[in-house]
Amino acid sequence: MFRRTFWFTAGAAAGVWATTKVNRKLKQLTPESLAAQAANKAVDTGHRLKEFALDVRAGMIQREHELGDALGLHAPVDGELPAPRRAAALESPYHPDHPKAAKYAEHRTHSHNRNEDH
């Protein structure tokens, strides 16, 4: 008699366990539950992507500073501006204000048009 009671109790417990397991799985497979799971995964993925983007941005800023230090871009700048470039243009003998401009005047008037009849 004790043996029958043991097996009856074991069977009842297994039935309750299986029924509970099946009901939980069915609740997980309802459309509302699936939508909630998908939304949770999407939010989690969004957080991971945001963390990744912030890590990439921090790495970019760090690398820019490293490159700036290597190239000397962060060095203190003196207040002087470079010399004007117009002075170099005036030194050309082809410039009309140059003292030897008359000597090179013929070069300015000579046509280099290939389509011109000679």
N, C-alpha and C. Protein backbone atom coordinates (compact mmCIF):
# COMPACT_ATOMS: atom_id res chain seq x y z
N MET A 1 0.81 -1.18 0.00
CA MET A 1 0.00 0.00 0.00
C MET A 1 0.87 1.27 0.00
N PHE A 2 1.97 1.21 0.72
CA PHE A 2 2.87 2.35 0.75
C PHE A 2 3.46 2.62 -0.64
N ARG A 3 3.71 1.55 -1.37
CA ARG A 3 4.27 1.68 -2.70
C ARG A 3 3.29 2.38 -3.63
N ARG A 4 2.02 2.06 -3.56
CA ARG A 4 1.02 2.70 -4.41
C ARG A 4 0.88 4.18 -4.07
N THR A 5 0.93 4.52 -2.84
CA THR A 5 0.82 5.91 -2.41
C THR A 5 2.01 6.72 -2.92
N PHE A 6 3.20 6.14 -2.84
CA PHE A 6 4.40 6.81 -3.34
C PHE A 6 4.29 7.11 -4.82
N TRP A 7 3.91 6.12 -5.63
CA TRP A 7 3.83 6.31 -7.07
C TRP A 7 2.68 7.23 -7.45
N PHE A 8 1.61 7.19 -6.70
CA PHE A 8 0.51 8.11 -6.97
C PHE A 8 0.95 9.55 -6.71
N THR A 9 1.66 9.79 -5.61
CA THR A 9 2.15 11.13 -5.28
C THR A 9 3.19 11.60 -6.29
N ALA A 10 4.08 10.71 -6.69
CA ALA A 10 5.11 11.07 -7.69
C ALA A 10 4.44 11.41 -9.02
N GLY A 11 3.46 10.69 -9.44
CA GLY A 11 2.75 10.96 -10.69
C GLY A 11 1.99 12.27 -10.63
N ALA A 12 1.35 12.53 -9.50
CA ALA A 12 0.61 13.79 -9.34
C ALA A 12 1.57 14.98 -9.38
N ALA A 13 2.72 14.85 -8.70
CA ALA A 13 3.70 15.93 -8.70
C ALA A 13 4.24 16.16 -10.11
N ALA A 14 4.52 15.07 -10.85
CA ALA A 14 5.01 15.21 -12.22
C ALA A 14 3.95 15.85 -13.11
N GLY A 15 2.71 15.54 -12.90
CA GLY A 15 1.62 16.14 -13.67
C GLY A 15 1.49 17.63 -13.39
N VAL A 16 1.57 18.00 -12.12
CA VAL A 16 1.50 19.41 -11.76
C VAL A 16 2.69 20.17 -12.34
N TRP A 17 3.87 19.58 -12.23
CA TRP A 17 5.07 20.22 -12.77
C TRP A 17 4.96 20.41 -14.28
N ALA A 18 4.52 19.37 -15.00
CA ALA A 18 4.40 19.44 -16.47
C ALA A 18 3.33 20.45 -16.87
N THR A 19 2.21 20.47 -16.16
CA THR A 19 1.13 21.42 -16.48
C THR A 19 1.61 22.86 -16.26
N THR A 20 2.32 23.08 -15.17
CA THR A 20 2.84 24.42 -14.90
C THR A 20 3.84 24.85 -15.98
N LYS A 21 4.70 23.92 -16.37
CA LYS A 21 5.71 24.22 -17.40
C LYS A 21 5.03 24.55 -18.73
N VAL A 22 4.04 23.78 -19.12
CA VAL A 22 3.34 24.01 -20.39
C VAL A 22 2.59 25.33 -20.36
N ASN A 23 1.94 25.66 -19.23
CA ASN A 23 1.20 26.93 -19.13
C ASN A 23 2.15 28.12 -19.21
N ARG A 24 3.32 28.03 -18.60
CA ARG A 24 4.29 29.11 -18.69
C ARG A 24 4.75 29.32 -20.14
N LYS A 25 5.01 28.21 -20.82
CA LYS A 25 5.46 28.30 -22.21
C LYS A 25 4.37 28.88 -23.10
N LEU A 26 3.13 28.52 -22.86
CA LEU A 26 2.02 29.07 -23.65
C LEU A 26 1.87 30.57 -23.41
N LYS A 27 2.06 31.00 -22.18
CA LYS A 27 1.97 32.44 -21.89
C LYS A 27 3.10 33.20 -22.57
N GLN A 28 4.27 32.57 -22.69
CA GLN A 28 5.40 33.23 -23.37
C GLN A 28 5.17 33.35 -24.87
N LEU A 29 4.33 32.51 -25.42
CA LEU A 29 4.11 32.50 -26.86
C LEU A 29 2.89 33.29 -27.30
N THR A 30 2.24 34.02 -26.39
CA THR A 30 1.12 34.86 -26.80
C THR A 30 1.68 36.07 -27.56
N PRO A 31 0.88 36.65 -28.46
CA PRO A 31 1.37 37.80 -29.23
C PRO A 31 1.82 38.98 -28.35
N GLU A 32 1.11 39.24 -27.28
CA GLU A 32 1.49 40.35 -26.40
C GLU A 32 2.84 40.09 -25.75
N SER A 33 3.06 38.86 -25.31
CA SER A 33 4.32 38.51 -24.68
C SER A 33 5.47 38.56 -25.68
N LEU A 34 5.24 38.07 -26.89
CA LEU A 34 6.28 38.13 -27.92
C LEU A 34 6.62 39.57 -28.28
N ALA A 35 5.60 40.44 -28.35
CA ALA A 35 5.85 41.85 -28.65
C ALA A 35 6.65 42.50 -27.53
N ALA A 36 6.32 42.18 -26.29
CA ALA A 36 7.06 42.75 -25.16
C ALA A 36 8.51 42.27 -25.16
N GLN A 37 8.72 41.00 -25.47
CA GLN A 37 10.09 40.47 -25.53
C GLN A 37 10.89 41.16 -26.65
N ALA A 38 10.25 41.34 -27.80
CA ALA A 38 10.93 42.02 -28.91
C ALA A 38 11.26 43.46 -28.55
N ALA A 39 10.34 44.13 -27.89
CA ALA A 39 10.59 45.52 -27.50
C ALA A 39 11.74 45.59 -26.50
N ASN A 40 11.78 44.69 -25.55
CA ASN A 40 12.86 44.67 -24.56
C ASN A 40 14.21 44.42 -25.24
N LYS A 41 14.24 43.50 -26.20
CA LYS A 41 15.49 43.23 -26.90
C LYS A 41 15.92 44.42 -27.76
N ALA A 42 14.95 45.11 -28.35
CA ALA A 42 15.27 46.29 -29.16
C ALA A 42 15.84 47.40 -28.28
N VAL A 43 15.25 47.60 -27.12
CA VAL A 43 15.75 48.63 -26.20
C VAL A 43 17.15 48.26 -25.73
N ASP A 44 17.36 47.00 -25.42
CA ASP A 44 18.69 46.55 -24.98
C ASP A 44 19.72 46.74 -26.09
N THR A 45 19.35 46.42 -27.31
CA THR A 45 20.25 46.61 -28.45
C THR A 45 20.55 48.09 -28.66
N GLY A 46 19.54 48.93 -28.49
CA GLY A 46 19.75 50.38 -28.62
C GLY A 46 20.74 50.90 -27.58
N HIS A 47 20.63 50.40 -26.35
CA HIS A 47 21.58 50.81 -25.31
C HIS A 47 22.99 50.35 -25.65
N ARG A 48 23.12 49.15 -26.15
CA ARG A 48 24.44 48.64 -26.52
C ARG A 48 25.04 49.46 -27.66
N LEU A 49 24.23 49.80 -28.66
CA LEU A 49 24.72 50.61 -29.77
C LEU A 49 25.14 52.00 -29.31
N LYS A 50 24.37 52.58 -28.38
CA LYS A 50 24.72 53.89 -27.86
C LYS A 50 26.05 53.83 -27.11
N GLU A 51 26.24 52.79 -26.29
CA GLU A 51 27.51 52.63 -25.58
C GLU A 51 28.67 52.45 -26.56
N PHE A 52 28.44 51.68 -27.63
CA PHE A 52 29.47 51.48 -28.64
C PHE A 52 29.83 52.80 -29.32
N ALA A 53 28.81 53.59 -29.68
CA ALA A 53 29.07 54.88 -30.33
C ALA A 53 29.83 55.81 -29.41
N LEU A 54 29.50 55.82 -28.13
CA LEU A 54 30.23 56.67 -27.19
C LEU A 54 31.67 56.21 -27.03
N ASP A 55 31.90 54.90 -27.03
CA ASP A 55 33.26 54.38 -26.96
C ASP A 55 34.06 54.76 -28.20
N VAL A 56 33.42 54.66 -29.37
CA VAL A 56 34.10 55.04 -30.62
C VAL A 56 34.45 56.53 -30.61
N ARG A 57 33.51 57.36 -30.16
CA ARG A 57 33.75 58.80 -30.12
C ARG A 57 34.89 59.13 -29.16
N ALA A 58 34.91 58.48 -28.00
CA ALA A 58 35.99 58.72 -27.03
C ALA A 58 37.34 58.29 -27.62
N GLY A 59 37.34 57.17 -28.33
CA GLY A 59 38.58 56.71 -28.99
C GLY A 59 39.04 57.68 -30.06
N MET A 60 38.08 58.24 -30.82
CA MET A 60 38.44 59.20 -31.86
C MET A 60 39.06 60.46 -31.25
N ILE A 61 38.46 60.95 -30.17
CA ILE A 61 38.98 62.15 -29.53
C ILE A 61 40.37 61.90 -28.98
N GLN A 62 40.55 60.73 -28.37
CA GLN A 62 41.87 60.39 -27.84
C GLN A 62 42.90 60.32 -28.96
N ARG A 63 42.54 59.69 -30.07
CA ARG A 63 43.48 59.56 -31.19
C ARG A 63 43.78 60.92 -31.82
N GLU A 64 42.77 61.80 -31.90
CA GLU A 64 43.02 63.14 -32.44
C GLU A 64 44.03 63.89 -31.58
N HIS A 65 43.90 63.75 -30.26
CA HIS A 65 44.86 64.42 -29.37
C HIS A 65 46.26 63.83 -29.55
N GLU A 66 46.34 62.50 -29.69
CA GLU A 66 47.64 61.87 -29.91
C GLU A 66 48.28 62.38 -31.20
N LEU A 67 47.48 62.43 -32.27
CA LEU A 67 48.00 62.92 -33.55
C LEU A 67 48.36 64.39 -33.48
N GLY A 68 47.55 65.17 -32.79
CA GLY A 68 47.85 66.59 -32.64
C GLY A 68 49.15 66.81 -31.89
N ASP A 69 49.38 66.02 -30.85
CA ASP A 69 50.64 66.13 -30.12
C ASP A 69 51.82 65.70 -30.99
N ALA A 70 51.62 64.63 -31.76
CA ALA A 70 52.70 64.13 -32.61
C ALA A 70 53.06 65.13 -33.72
N LEU A 71 52.05 65.82 -34.24
CA LEU A 71 52.28 66.77 -35.32
C LEU A 71 52.58 68.18 -34.81
N GLY A 72 52.51 68.38 -33.51
CA GLY A 72 52.79 69.69 -32.94
C GLY A 72 51.68 70.70 -33.14
N LEU A 73 50.46 70.23 -33.28
CA LEU A 73 49.34 71.14 -33.49
C LEU A 73 48.90 71.82 -32.20
N HIS A 74 49.27 71.24 -31.07
CA HIS A 74 48.87 71.81 -29.79
C HIS A 74 49.97 72.69 -29.20
N ALA A 75 51.01 72.97 -29.96
CA ALA A 75 52.10 73.82 -29.49
C ALA A 75 51.62 75.26 -29.42
N PRO A 76 52.19 76.07 -28.52
CA PRO A 76 51.77 77.47 -28.45
C PRO A 76 52.12 78.20 -29.75
N VAL A 77 51.22 79.07 -30.15
CA VAL A 77 51.37 79.80 -31.41
C VAL A 77 51.90 81.20 -31.10
N ASP A 78 52.93 81.62 -31.85
CA ASP A 78 53.43 82.98 -31.65
C ASP A 78 52.49 83.94 -32.37
N GLY A 79 52.50 85.19 -31.97
CA GLY A 79 51.55 86.17 -32.49
C GLY A 79 51.89 86.72 -33.85
N GLU A 80 53.03 86.38 -34.42
CA GLU A 80 53.43 86.94 -35.71
C GLU A 80 52.73 86.23 -36.86
N LEU A 81 52.36 87.01 -37.83
CA LEU A 81 51.77 86.45 -39.04
C LEU A 81 52.87 86.28 -40.07
N PRO A 82 52.69 85.39 -41.03
CA PRO A 82 53.71 85.26 -42.07
C PRO A 82 53.79 86.52 -42.93
N ALA A 83 54.93 86.69 -43.58
CA ALA A 83 55.14 87.86 -44.43
C ALA A 83 54.14 87.86 -45.57
N PRO A 84 53.75 89.03 -46.03
CA PRO A 84 52.79 89.08 -47.13
C PRO A 84 53.37 88.46 -48.39
N ARG A 85 52.56 87.82 -49.16
CA ARG A 85 53.02 87.12 -50.36
C ARG A 85 53.09 88.03 -51.56
N ARG A 86 52.48 89.18 -51.49
CA ARG A 86 52.45 90.09 -52.64
C ARG A 86 53.85 90.56 -53.00
N ALA A 87 54.72 90.68 -52.03
CA ALA A 87 56.09 91.13 -52.31
C ALA A 87 56.79 90.16 -53.25
N ALA A 88 56.54 88.89 -53.12
CA ALA A 88 57.16 87.91 -54.00
C ALA A 88 56.65 88.08 -55.43
N ALA A 89 55.40 88.42 -55.60
CA ALA A 89 54.86 88.62 -56.94
C ALA A 89 55.47 89.85 -57.60
N LEU A 90 55.78 90.88 -56.82
CA LEU A 90 56.37 92.09 -57.40
C LEU A 90 57.79 91.86 -57.86
N GLU A 91 58.46 90.84 -57.34
CA GLU A 91 59.84 90.57 -57.71
C GLU A 91 59.95 89.88 -59.07
N SER A 92 58.85 89.42 -59.60
CA SER A 92 58.89 88.75 -60.90
C SER A 92 59.20 89.75 -62.00
N PRO A 93 60.12 89.44 -62.92
CA PRO A 93 60.44 90.38 -64.01
C PRO A 93 59.26 90.58 -64.96
N TYR A 94 58.27 89.72 -64.89
CA TYR A 94 57.12 89.85 -65.77
C TYR A 94 56.09 90.82 -65.20
N HIS A 95 56.24 91.21 -63.92
CA HIS A 95 55.31 92.15 -63.31
C HIS A 95 55.59 93.55 -63.87
N PRO A 96 54.56 94.31 -64.20
CA PRO A 96 54.77 95.62 -64.83
C PRO A 96 55.54 96.61 -63.95
N ASP A 97 55.54 96.49 -62.65
CA ASP A 97 56.24 97.43 -61.78
C ASP A 97 57.71 97.06 -61.57
N HIS A 98 58.15 95.95 -62.10
CA HIS A 98 59.54 95.52 -61.92
C HIS A 98 60.45 96.35 -62.83
N PRO A 99 61.68 96.66 -62.36
CA PRO A 99 62.58 97.49 -63.19
C PRO A 99 62.93 96.85 -64.53
N LYS A 100 62.97 95.57 -64.64
CA LYS A 100 63.34 94.92 -65.91
C LYS A 100 62.11 94.50 -66.70
N ALA A 101 60.97 95.08 -66.41
CA ALA A 101 59.73 94.67 -67.07
C ALA A 101 59.78 94.95 -68.56
N ALA A 102 60.44 96.01 -68.99
CA ALA A 102 60.49 96.34 -70.42
C ALA A 102 61.21 95.27 -71.20
N LYS A 103 62.24 94.67 -70.61
CA LYS A 103 63.01 93.63 -71.29
C LYS A 103 62.14 92.41 -71.58
N TYR A 104 61.21 92.13 -70.68
CA TYR A 104 60.38 90.94 -70.83
C TYR A 104 59.01 91.27 -71.40
N ALA A 105 58.80 92.48 -71.87
CA ALA A 105 57.51 92.88 -72.40
C ALA A 105 57.14 92.07 -73.63
N GLU A 106 58.13 91.70 -74.42
CA GLU A 106 57.85 90.92 -75.63
C GLU A 106 57.26 89.56 -75.31
N HIS A 107 57.63 89.01 -74.16
CA HIS A 107 57.07 87.71 -73.77
C HIS A 107 55.59 87.83 -73.43
N ARG A 108 55.20 88.99 -72.94
CA ARG A 108 53.80 89.16 -72.57
C ARG A 108 52.93 89.35 -73.79
N THR A 109 53.44 89.93 -74.85
CA THR A 109 52.62 90.23 -76.01
C THR A 109 52.61 89.10 -77.02
N HIS A 110 53.53 88.16 -76.91
CA HIS A 110 53.61 87.08 -77.86
C HIS A 110 52.44 86.13 -77.66
N SER A 111 51.77 85.80 -78.75
CA SER A 111 50.62 84.91 -78.67
C SER A 111 51.08 83.47 -78.76
N HIS A 112 50.52 82.65 -77.95
CA HIS A 112 50.83 81.22 -77.97
C HIS A 112 49.63 80.41 -78.42
N ASN A 113 48.85 80.97 -79.31
CA ASN A 113 47.68 80.29 -79.80
C ASN A 113 48.07 79.41 -80.96
N ARG A 114 47.87 78.11 -80.86
CA ARG A 114 48.25 77.18 -81.90
C ARG A 114 47.34 77.28 -83.12
N ASN A 115 46.13 77.71 -82.89
CA ASN A 115 45.17 77.77 -83.99
C ASN A 115 45.36 78.99 -84.87
N GLU A 116 46.30 79.82 -84.51
CA GLU A 116 46.53 81.04 -85.27
C GLU A 116 47.38 80.72 -86.49
N ASP A 117 47.05 81.32 -87.64
CA ASP A 117 47.83 81.11 -88.86
C ASP A 117 49.15 81.83 -88.76
N HIS A 118 50.22 81.22 -89.13
CA HIS A 118 51.55 81.84 -89.07
C HIS A 118 52.08 82.10 -90.44
